[in-house]
């Protein structure tokens, strides 16, 4: 008979989060990305051919973040943290929040997003901020989410240092903004907590530059198919 262990990861079926059926029919960018984003273009694994790319039926924008969250859950479980706390900077419609909440039993998810200002995703998704806010509430209703409807630099002092287990940054992608988010919020994460974010790609050089500056050893930086990145705080300069 199989034995069970206590962990912070939610029960899954066939490797998918328990509300995957809700996700796959969402009118969203991450789950239904435009074709020019090449959502089905995957990188070959190291040692598999010349390391190039190939087409598949898999949506890398969903799978990449799903794999990241699974790794986060496993790492927190190893550390014996069964009710972790997280901060997400840049939640938008709450799509990534939905994946985070579906995979891990968070004690709390703190979302920081003013839901205002210039946003290219509004043009792509053909939504205004009111509609984005409605989607956010719908996608986050299943979890213990606290929404800070403000800019990250205005609410940083509301979070205690060394208190949180996971930080995910997907806000303004300009170098100075990413750098400021890292400097303000990495101290909020426990020493052996986990830090991650989105769009570590050549299309967003500001993100890559800011992240590279806080990484001690590049080998400790994990990268994912959707452009996400992950590292433990202990392996950063902050």
C-alpha atoms as a PDB file:
ATOM      1  CA  UNK A   1       0.000   0.000   0.000  1.00  0.00           C
ATOM      2  CA  UNK A   2       1.301   3.447  -0.915  1.00  0.00           C
ATOM      3  CA  UNK A   3       2.184   5.688   2.005  1.00  0.00           C
ATOM      4  CA  UNK A   4       1.293   9.387   2.155  1.00  0.00           C
ATOM      5  CA  UNK A   5       3.326  12.360   3.273  1.00  0.00           C
ATOM      6  CA  UNK A   6       2.193  15.770   4.383  1.00  0.00           C
ATOM      7  CA  UNK A   7       2.955  18.458   1.844  1.00  0.00           C
ATOM      8  CA  UNK A   8       1.764  21.884   0.741  1.00  0.00           C
ATOM      9  CA  UNK A   9       0.889  20.771  -2.786  1.00  0.00           C
ATOM     10  CA  UNK A  10      -2.768  20.249  -3.654  1.00  0.00           C
ATOM     11  CA  UNK A  11      -3.996  16.849  -4.804  1.00  0.00           C
ATOM     12  CA  UNK A  12      -3.784  16.623  -8.586  1.00  0.00           C
ATOM     13  CA  UNK A  13      -5.152  14.333 -11.272  1.00  0.00           C
ATOM     14  CA  UNK A  14      -2.963  13.337 -14.237  1.00  0.00           C
ATOM     15  CA  UNK A  15      -0.505  16.073 -13.264  1.00  0.00           C
ATOM     16  CA  UNK A  16      -2.949  18.965 -13.777  1.00  0.00           C
ATOM     17  CA  UNK A  17      -4.298  21.351 -11.165  1.00  0.00           C
ATOM     18  CA  UNK A  18      -7.682  20.457  -9.779  1.00  0.00           C
ATOM     19  CA  UNK A  19      -9.556  23.208 -11.590  1.00  0.00           C
ATOM     20  CA  UNK A  20      -7.812  22.763 -14.923  1.00  0.00           C
ATOM     21  CA  UNK A  21     -11.161  22.350 -16.670  1.00  0.00           C
ATOM     22  CA  UNK A  22     -11.929  25.940 -15.693  1.00  0.00           C
ATOM     23  CA  UNK A  23      -8.579  27.177 -16.969  1.00  0.00           C
ATOM     24  CA  UNK A  24      -8.641  25.655 -20.421  1.00  0.00           C
ATOM     25  CA  UNK A  25     -11.856  27.467 -21.390  1.00  0.00           C
ATOM     26  CA  UNK A  26     -10.897  30.866 -20.005  1.00  0.00           C
ATOM     27  CA  UNK A  27     -10.879  33.867 -22.325  1.00  0.00           C
ATOM     28  CA  UNK A  28      -7.319  34.714 -21.387  1.00  0.00           C
ATOM     29  CA  UNK A  29      -3.929  35.361 -22.924  1.00  0.00           C
ATOM     30  CA  UNK A  30      -1.932  32.803 -20.938  1.00  0.00           C
ATOM     31  CA  UNK A  31      -4.365  29.971 -21.652  1.00  0.00           C
ATOM     32  CA  UNK A  32      -5.254  31.047 -25.185  1.00  0.00           C
ATOM     33  CA  UNK A  33      -2.194  32.972 -26.420  1.00  0.00           C
ATOM     34  CA  UNK A  34      -2.097  34.558 -29.889  1.00  0.00           C
ATOM     35  CA  UNK A  35      -0.387  32.535 -32.615  1.00  0.00           C
ATOM     36  CA  UNK A  36       2.366  35.100 -33.155  1.00  0.00           C
ATOM     37  CA  UNK A  37       3.564  34.348 -29.622  1.00  0.00           C
ATOM     38  CA  UNK A  38       4.425  30.844 -30.873  1.00  0.00           C
ATOM     39  CA  UNK A  39       2.836  29.141 -27.858  1.00  0.00           C
ATOM     40  CA  UNK A  40       3.488  25.652 -29.214  1.00  0.00           C
ATOM     41  CA  UNK A  41       7.165  26.169 -30.008  1.00  0.00           C
ATOM     42  CA  UNK A  42       9.225  24.247 -27.462  1.00  0.00           C
ATOM     43  CA  UNK A  43      12.966  24.037 -26.935  1.00  0.00           C
ATOM     44  CA  UNK A  44      14.639  20.683 -27.339  1.00  0.00           C
ATOM     45  CA  UNK A  45      16.139  19.295 -24.175  1.00  0.00           C
ATOM     46  CA  UNK A  46      19.881  19.425 -23.697  1.00  0.00           C
ATOM     47  CA  UNK A  47      21.455  16.513 -25.542  1.00  0.00           C
ATOM     48  CA  UNK A  48      18.409  16.094 -27.776  1.00  0.00           C
ATOM     49  CA  UNK A  49      19.566  16.914 -31.280  1.00  0.00           C
ATOM     50  CA  UNK A  50      21.186  20.337 -31.642  1.00  0.00           C
ATOM     51  CA  UNK A  51      19.211  21.983 -28.853  1.00  0.00           C
ATOM     52  CA  UNK A  52      16.933  23.819 -31.276  1.00  0.00           C
ATOM     53  CA  UNK A  53      13.159  24.230 -31.215  1.00  0.00           C
ATOM     54  CA  UNK A  54      10.241  22.143 -32.410  1.00  0.00           C
ATOM     55  CA  UNK A  55       6.482  22.533 -32.765  1.00  0.00           C
ATOM     56  CA  UNK A  56       4.112  20.680 -30.459  1.00  0.00           C
ATOM     57  CA  UNK A  57       0.486  20.691 -29.317  1.00  0.00           C
ATOM     58  CA  UNK A  58       1.531  21.901 -25.842  1.00  0.00           C
ATOM     59  CA  UNK A  59       0.917  25.477 -24.674  1.00  0.00           C
ATOM     60  CA  UNK A  60       4.252  26.454 -23.146  1.00  0.00           C
ATOM     61  CA  UNK A  61       2.801  29.517 -21.422  1.00  0.00           C
ATOM     62  CA  UNK A  62       0.597  27.305 -19.272  1.00  0.00           C
ATOM     63  CA  UNK A  63       3.020  24.417 -18.797  1.00  0.00           C
ATOM     64  CA  UNK A  64       6.001  26.604 -17.934  1.00  0.00           C
ATOM     65  CA  UNK A  65       4.320  28.271 -14.982  1.00  0.00           C
ATOM     66  CA  UNK A  66       2.661  25.027 -13.933  1.00  0.00           C
ATOM     67  CA  UNK A  67       6.079  23.333 -13.702  1.00  0.00           C
ATOM     68  CA  UNK A  68       7.468  26.301 -11.771  1.00  0.00           C
ATOM     69  CA  UNK A  69       4.691  26.174  -9.180  1.00  0.00           C
ATOM     70  CA  UNK A  70       5.108  22.437  -8.783  1.00  0.00           C
ATOM     71  CA  UNK A  71       8.811  22.938  -8.047  1.00  0.00           C
ATOM     72  CA  UNK A  72       7.988  25.697  -5.559  1.00  0.00           C
ATOM     73  CA  UNK A  73       5.517  23.405  -3.788  1.00  0.00           C
ATOM     74  CA  UNK A  74       8.034  20.579  -3.622  1.00  0.00           C
ATOM     75  CA  UNK A  75      10.773  22.850  -2.270  1.00  0.00           C
ATOM     76  CA  UNK A  76       8.483  24.276   0.415  1.00  0.00           C
ATOM     77  CA  UNK A  77       7.398  20.766   1.375  1.00  0.00           C
ATOM     78  CA  UNK A  78      11.026  19.681   1.753  1.00  0.00           C
ATOM     79  CA  UNK A  79      11.535  22.666   4.060  1.00  0.00           C
ATOM     80  CA  UNK A  80       8.521  21.556   6.106  1.00  0.00           C
ATOM     81  CA  UNK A  81       6.408  24.611   5.237  1.00  0.00           C
ATOM     82  CA  UNK A  82       2.850  23.326   4.830  1.00  0.00           C
ATOM     83  CA  UNK A  83       0.986  26.667   4.960  1.00  0.00           C
ATOM     84  CA  UNK A  84       3.232  29.051   3.043  1.00  0.00           C
ATOM     85  CA  UNK A  85       2.689  32.733   2.284  1.00  0.00           C
ATOM     86  CA  UNK A  86       3.407  34.425  -1.022  1.00  0.00           C
ATOM     87  CA  UNK A  87       3.526  37.841  -2.683  1.00  0.00           C
ATOM     88  CA  UNK A  88       2.701  38.391  -6.337  1.00  0.00           C
ATOM     89  CA  UNK A  89       3.626  41.745  -7.883  1.00  0.00           C
ATOM     90  CA  UNK A  90       1.669  42.264 -11.089  1.00  0.00           C
ATOM     91  CA  UNK A  91      -1.381  39.996 -11.023  1.00  0.00           C
ATOM     92  CA  UNK A  92      -3.398  41.551 -13.860  1.00  0.00           C
ATOM     93  CA  UNK A  93      -6.452  39.281 -14.467  1.00  0.00           C
ATOM     94  CA  UNK A  94      -5.336  36.800 -11.818  1.00  0.00           C
ATOM     95  CA  UNK A  95      -4.436  34.066 -14.305  1.00  0.00           C
ATOM     96  CA  UNK A  96      -1.101  33.256 -12.685  1.00  0.00           C
ATOM     97  CA  UNK A  97      -2.703  33.694  -9.262  1.00  0.00           C
ATOM     98  CA  UNK A  98      -5.179  31.000 -10.234  1.00  0.00           C
ATOM     99  CA  UNK A  99      -2.352  28.602 -11.102  1.00  0.00           C
ATOM    100  CA  UNK A 100      -0.471  29.411  -7.876  1.00  0.00           C
ATOM    101  CA  UNK A 101      -3.577  28.866  -5.780  1.00  0.00           C
ATOM    102  CA  UNK A 102      -4.582  25.696  -7.596  1.00  0.00           C
ATOM    103  CA  UNK A 103      -1.275  23.931  -7.039  1.00  0.00           C
ATOM    104  CA  UNK A 104      -0.270  24.973  -3.518  1.00  0.00           C
ATOM    105  CA  UNK A 105      -2.185  25.331  -0.231  1.00  0.00           C
ATOM    106  CA  UNK A 106      -1.164  28.908   0.505  1.00  0.00           C
ATOM    107  CA  UNK A 107      -2.079  30.387   3.852  1.00  0.00           C
ATOM    108  CA  UNK A 108      -2.291  33.681   2.007  1.00  0.00           C
ATOM    109  CA  UNK A 109      -1.647  35.105  -1.444  1.00  0.00           C
ATOM    110  CA  UNK A 110      -0.877  38.815  -1.469  1.00  0.00           C
ATOM    111  CA  UNK A 111      -1.499  40.362  -4.898  1.00  0.00           C
ATOM    112  CA  UNK A 112      -0.126  43.805  -5.701  1.00  0.00           C
ATOM    113  CA  UNK A 113      -1.525  45.502  -8.789  1.00  0.00           C
ATOM    114  CA  UNK A 114      -3.062  48.982  -9.184  1.00  0.00           C
ATOM    115  CA  UNK A 115      -5.146  47.853 -12.185  1.00  0.00           C
ATOM    116  CA  UNK A 116      -4.603  51.196 -13.860  1.00  0.00           C
ATOM    117  CA  UNK A 117      -2.203  52.942 -16.203  1.00  0.00           C
ATOM    118  CA  UNK A 118      -0.793  51.956 -19.586  1.00  0.00           C
ATOM    119  CA  UNK A 119      -0.890  48.217 -20.226  1.00  0.00           C
ATOM    120  CA  UNK A 120      -0.171  46.565 -23.580  1.00  0.00           C
ATOM    121  CA  UNK A 121      -2.074  43.469 -22.460  1.00  0.00           C
ATOM    122  CA  UNK A 122      -5.292  45.495 -22.424  1.00  0.00           C
ATOM    123  CA  UNK A 123      -4.862  46.144 -26.125  1.00  0.00           C
ATOM    124  CA  UNK A 124      -4.053  42.502 -26.856  1.00  0.00           C
ATOM    125  CA  UNK A 125      -6.944  41.135 -24.805  1.00  0.00           C
ATOM    126  CA  UNK A 126      -9.289  43.967 -25.901  1.00  0.00           C
ATOM    127  CA  UNK A 127     -10.325  44.631 -22.302  1.00  0.00           C
ATOM    128  CA  UNK A 128     -10.533  47.801 -20.234  1.00  0.00           C
ATOM    129  CA  UNK A 129      -9.448  48.032 -16.609  1.00  0.00           C
ATOM    130  CA  UNK A 130     -12.971  47.509 -15.275  1.00  0.00           C
ATOM    131  CA  UNK A 131     -13.221  44.227 -17.191  1.00  0.00           C
ATOM    132  CA  UNK A 132      -9.735  43.209 -16.049  1.00  0.00           C
ATOM    133  CA  UNK A 133     -10.787  43.816 -12.442  1.00  0.00           C
ATOM    134  CA  UNK A 134     -13.886  41.657 -12.851  1.00  0.00           C
ATOM    135  CA  UNK A 135     -11.732  38.858 -14.269  1.00  0.00           C
ATOM    136  CA  UNK A 136      -9.285  39.221 -11.376  1.00  0.00           C
ATOM    137  CA  UNK A 137     -12.059  38.785  -8.807  1.00  0.00           C
ATOM    138  CA  UNK A 138     -13.456  35.782 -10.651  1.00  0.00           C
ATOM    139  CA  UNK A 139     -10.090  34.032 -10.990  1.00  0.00           C
ATOM    140  CA  UNK A 140      -9.000  34.612  -7.399  1.00  0.00           C
ATOM    141  CA  UNK A 141     -12.279  33.854  -5.616  1.00  0.00           C
ATOM    142  CA  UNK A 142     -11.227  30.312  -4.756  1.00  0.00           C
ATOM    143  CA  UNK A 143      -8.287  31.302  -2.538  1.00  0.00           C
ATOM    144  CA  UNK A 144      -7.289  33.445   0.418  1.00  0.00           C
ATOM    145  CA  UNK A 145      -6.218  36.430  -1.669  1.00  0.00           C
ATOM    146  CA  UNK A 146      -5.568  39.929  -0.395  1.00  0.00           C
ATOM    147  CA  UNK A 147      -5.425  42.528  -3.160  1.00  0.00           C
ATOM    148  CA  UNK A 148      -3.300  45.640  -2.677  1.00  0.00           C
ATOM    149  CA  UNK A 149      -4.689  47.905  -5.389  1.00  0.00           C
ATOM    150  CA  UNK A 150      -1.648  50.129  -5.586  1.00  0.00           C
ATOM    151  CA  UNK A 151       1.883  50.304  -6.961  1.00  0.00           C
ATOM    152  CA  UNK A 152       4.410  48.013  -5.304  1.00  0.00           C
ATOM    153  CA  UNK A 153       6.662  50.816  -4.060  1.00  0.00           C
ATOM    154  CA  UNK A 154       3.719  52.379  -2.211  1.00  0.00           C
ATOM    155  CA  UNK A 155       2.873  49.242  -0.210  1.00  0.00           C
ATOM    156  CA  UNK A 156       6.268  47.668   0.442  1.00  0.00           C
ATOM    157  CA  UNK A 157       6.253  48.858   4.053  1.00  0.00           C
ATOM    158  CA  UNK A 158       3.048  46.887   4.692  1.00  0.00           C
ATOM    159  CA  UNK A 159       4.991  43.608   4.464  1.00  0.00           C
ATOM    160  CA  UNK A 160       7.270  42.326   7.211  1.00  0.00           C
ATOM    161  CA  UNK A 161      10.824  41.291   6.421  1.00  0.00           C
ATOM    162  CA  UNK A 162      11.766  37.585   6.417  1.00  0.00           C
ATOM    163  CA  UNK A 163       8.066  36.661   6.556  1.00  0.00           C
ATOM    164  CA  UNK A 164       7.164  35.228   3.150  1.00  0.00           C
ATOM    165  CA  UNK A 165       8.036  31.970   1.438  1.00  0.00           C
ATOM    166  CA  UNK A 166       7.628  32.918  -2.214  1.00  0.00           C
ATOM    167  CA  UNK A 167       7.795  36.105  -4.276  1.00  0.00           C
ATOM    168  CA  UNK A 168       6.761  36.314  -7.946  1.00  0.00           C
ATOM    169  CA  UNK A 169       7.327  39.494  -9.966  1.00  0.00           C
ATOM    170  CA  UNK A 170       5.508  40.225 -13.216  1.00  0.00           C
ATOM    171  CA  UNK A 171       4.919  43.970 -13.137  1.00  0.00           C
ATOM    172  CA  UNK A 172       6.589  46.828 -15.026  1.00  0.00           C
ATOM    173  CA  UNK A 173       9.364  45.228 -17.118  1.00  0.00           C
ATOM    174  CA  UNK A 174      11.626  48.270 -17.381  1.00  0.00           C
ATOM    175  CA  UNK A 175      15.030  47.763 -15.748  1.00  0.00           C
ATOM    176  CA  UNK A 176      14.655  50.393 -13.012  1.00  0.00           C
ATOM    177  CA  UNK A 177      11.194  49.103 -12.041  1.00  0.00           C
ATOM    178  CA  UNK A 178      12.283  45.467 -11.860  1.00  0.00           C
ATOM    179  CA  UNK A 179      15.385  46.454  -9.897  1.00  0.00           C
ATOM    180  CA  UNK A 180      13.284  48.442  -7.423  1.00  0.00           C
ATOM    181  CA  UNK A 181      10.824  45.553  -6.945  1.00  0.00           C
ATOM    182  CA  UNK A 182      13.711  43.182  -6.273  1.00  0.00           C
ATOM    183  CA  UNK A 183      15.376  45.533  -3.811  1.00  0.00           C
ATOM    184  CA  UNK A 184      12.159  46.336  -1.959  1.00  0.00           C
ATOM    185  CA  UNK A 185      10.647  42.864  -1.773  1.00  0.00           C
ATOM    186  CA  UNK A 186      13.435  40.288  -1.640  1.00  0.00           C
ATOM    187  CA  UNK A 187      14.043  41.300   2.017  1.00  0.00           C
ATOM    188  CA  UNK A 188      10.417  40.294   2.683  1.00  0.00           C
ATOM    189  CA  UNK A 189      11.282  36.692   1.760  1.00  0.00           C
ATOM    190  CA  UNK A 190      12.762  34.227   4.227  1.00  0.00           C
ATOM    191  CA  UNK A 191      16.455  33.376   3.834  1.00  0.00           C
ATOM    192  CA  UNK A 192      15.672  30.018   2.233  1.00  0.00           C
ATOM    193  CA  UNK A 193      12.523  31.270   0.548  1.00  0.00           C
ATOM    194  CA  UNK A 194      12.031  31.382  -3.211  1.00  0.00           C
ATOM    195  CA  UNK A 195      12.004  34.285  -5.640  1.00  0.00           C
ATOM    196  CA  UNK A 196      10.750  34.210  -9.205  1.00  0.00           C
ATOM    197  CA  UNK A 197       9.241  36.245 -11.960  1.00  0.00           C
ATOM    198  CA  UNK A 198       8.185  36.378 -15.580  1.00  0.00           C
ATOM    199  CA  UNK A 199       9.615  37.407 -18.961  1.00  0.00           C
ATOM    200  CA  UNK A 200      13.282  36.624 -18.471  1.00  0.00           C
ATOM    201  CA  UNK A 201      13.695  36.748 -22.249  1.00  0.00           C
ATOM    202  CA  UNK A 202      15.607  38.679 -24.892  1.00  0.00           C
ATOM    203  CA  UNK A 203      12.408  40.600 -25.612  1.00  0.00           C
ATOM    204  CA  UNK A 204      12.655  42.143 -22.134  1.00  0.00           C
ATOM    205  CA  UNK A 205      16.336  43.044 -21.588  1.00  0.00           C
ATOM    206  CA  UNK A 206      15.488  45.121 -18.512  1.00  0.00           C
ATOM    207  CA  UNK A 207      14.157  42.042 -16.732  1.00  0.00           C
ATOM    208  CA  UNK A 208      17.224  39.956 -17.607  1.00  0.00           C
ATOM    209  CA  UNK A 209      19.644  42.682 -16.541  1.00  0.00           C
ATOM    210  CA  UNK A 210      17.960  43.312 -13.185  1.00  0.00           C
ATOM    211  CA  UNK A 211      17.683  39.598 -12.389  1.00  0.00           C
ATOM    212  CA  UNK A 212      21.258  38.844 -13.458  1.00  0.00           C
ATOM    213  CA  UNK A 213      22.534  41.524 -11.098  1.00  0.00           C
ATOM    214  CA  UNK A 214      21.100  39.783  -8.023  1.00  0.00           C
ATOM    215  CA  UNK A 215      22.144  36.237  -8.973  1.00  0.00           C
ATOM    216  CA  UNK A 216      25.381  35.053  -7.338  1.00  0.00           C
ATOM    217  CA  UNK A 217      25.863  31.931  -9.472  1.00  0.00           C
ATOM    218  CA  UNK A 218      23.985  31.676 -12.802  1.00  0.00           C
ATOM    219  CA  UNK A 219      23.771  27.894 -12.324  1.00  0.00           C
ATOM    220  CA  UNK A 220      21.313  28.469  -9.474  1.00  0.00           C
ATOM    221  CA  UNK A 221      18.871  30.344 -11.731  1.00  0.00           C
ATOM    222  CA  UNK A 222      16.127  28.077 -13.089  1.00  0.00           C
ATOM    223  CA  UNK A 223      14.402  29.075 -16.336  1.00  0.00           C
ATOM    224  CA  UNK A 224      11.059  27.875 -17.684  1.00  0.00           C
ATOM    225  CA  UNK A 225       9.272  27.555 -21.022  1.00  0.00           C
ATOM    226  CA  UNK A 226       6.951  30.493 -20.419  1.00  0.00           C
ATOM    227  CA  UNK A 227       9.838  32.880 -19.701  1.00  0.00           C
ATOM    228  CA  UNK A 228       9.585  32.521 -15.922  1.00  0.00           C
ATOM    229  CA  UNK A 229      12.632  32.310 -13.677  1.00  0.00           C
ATOM    230  CA  UNK A 230      13.271  31.012 -10.164  1.00  0.00           C
ATOM    231  CA  UNK A 231      15.991  31.193  -7.517  1.00  0.00           C
ATOM    232  CA  UNK A 232      16.332  30.813  -3.746  1.00  0.00           C
ATOM    233  CA  UNK A 233      16.943  34.006  -1.803  1.00  0.00           C
ATOM    234  CA  UNK A 234      20.047  32.515  -0.221  1.00  0.00           C
ATOM    235  CA  UNK A 235      21.570  32.427  -3.701  1.00  0.00           C
ATOM    236  CA  UNK A 236      21.051  36.147  -4.354  1.00  0.00           C
ATOM    237  CA  UNK A 237      22.998  39.244  -3.382  1.00  0.00           C
ATOM    238  CA  UNK A 238      20.112  40.776  -1.429  1.00  0.00           C
END
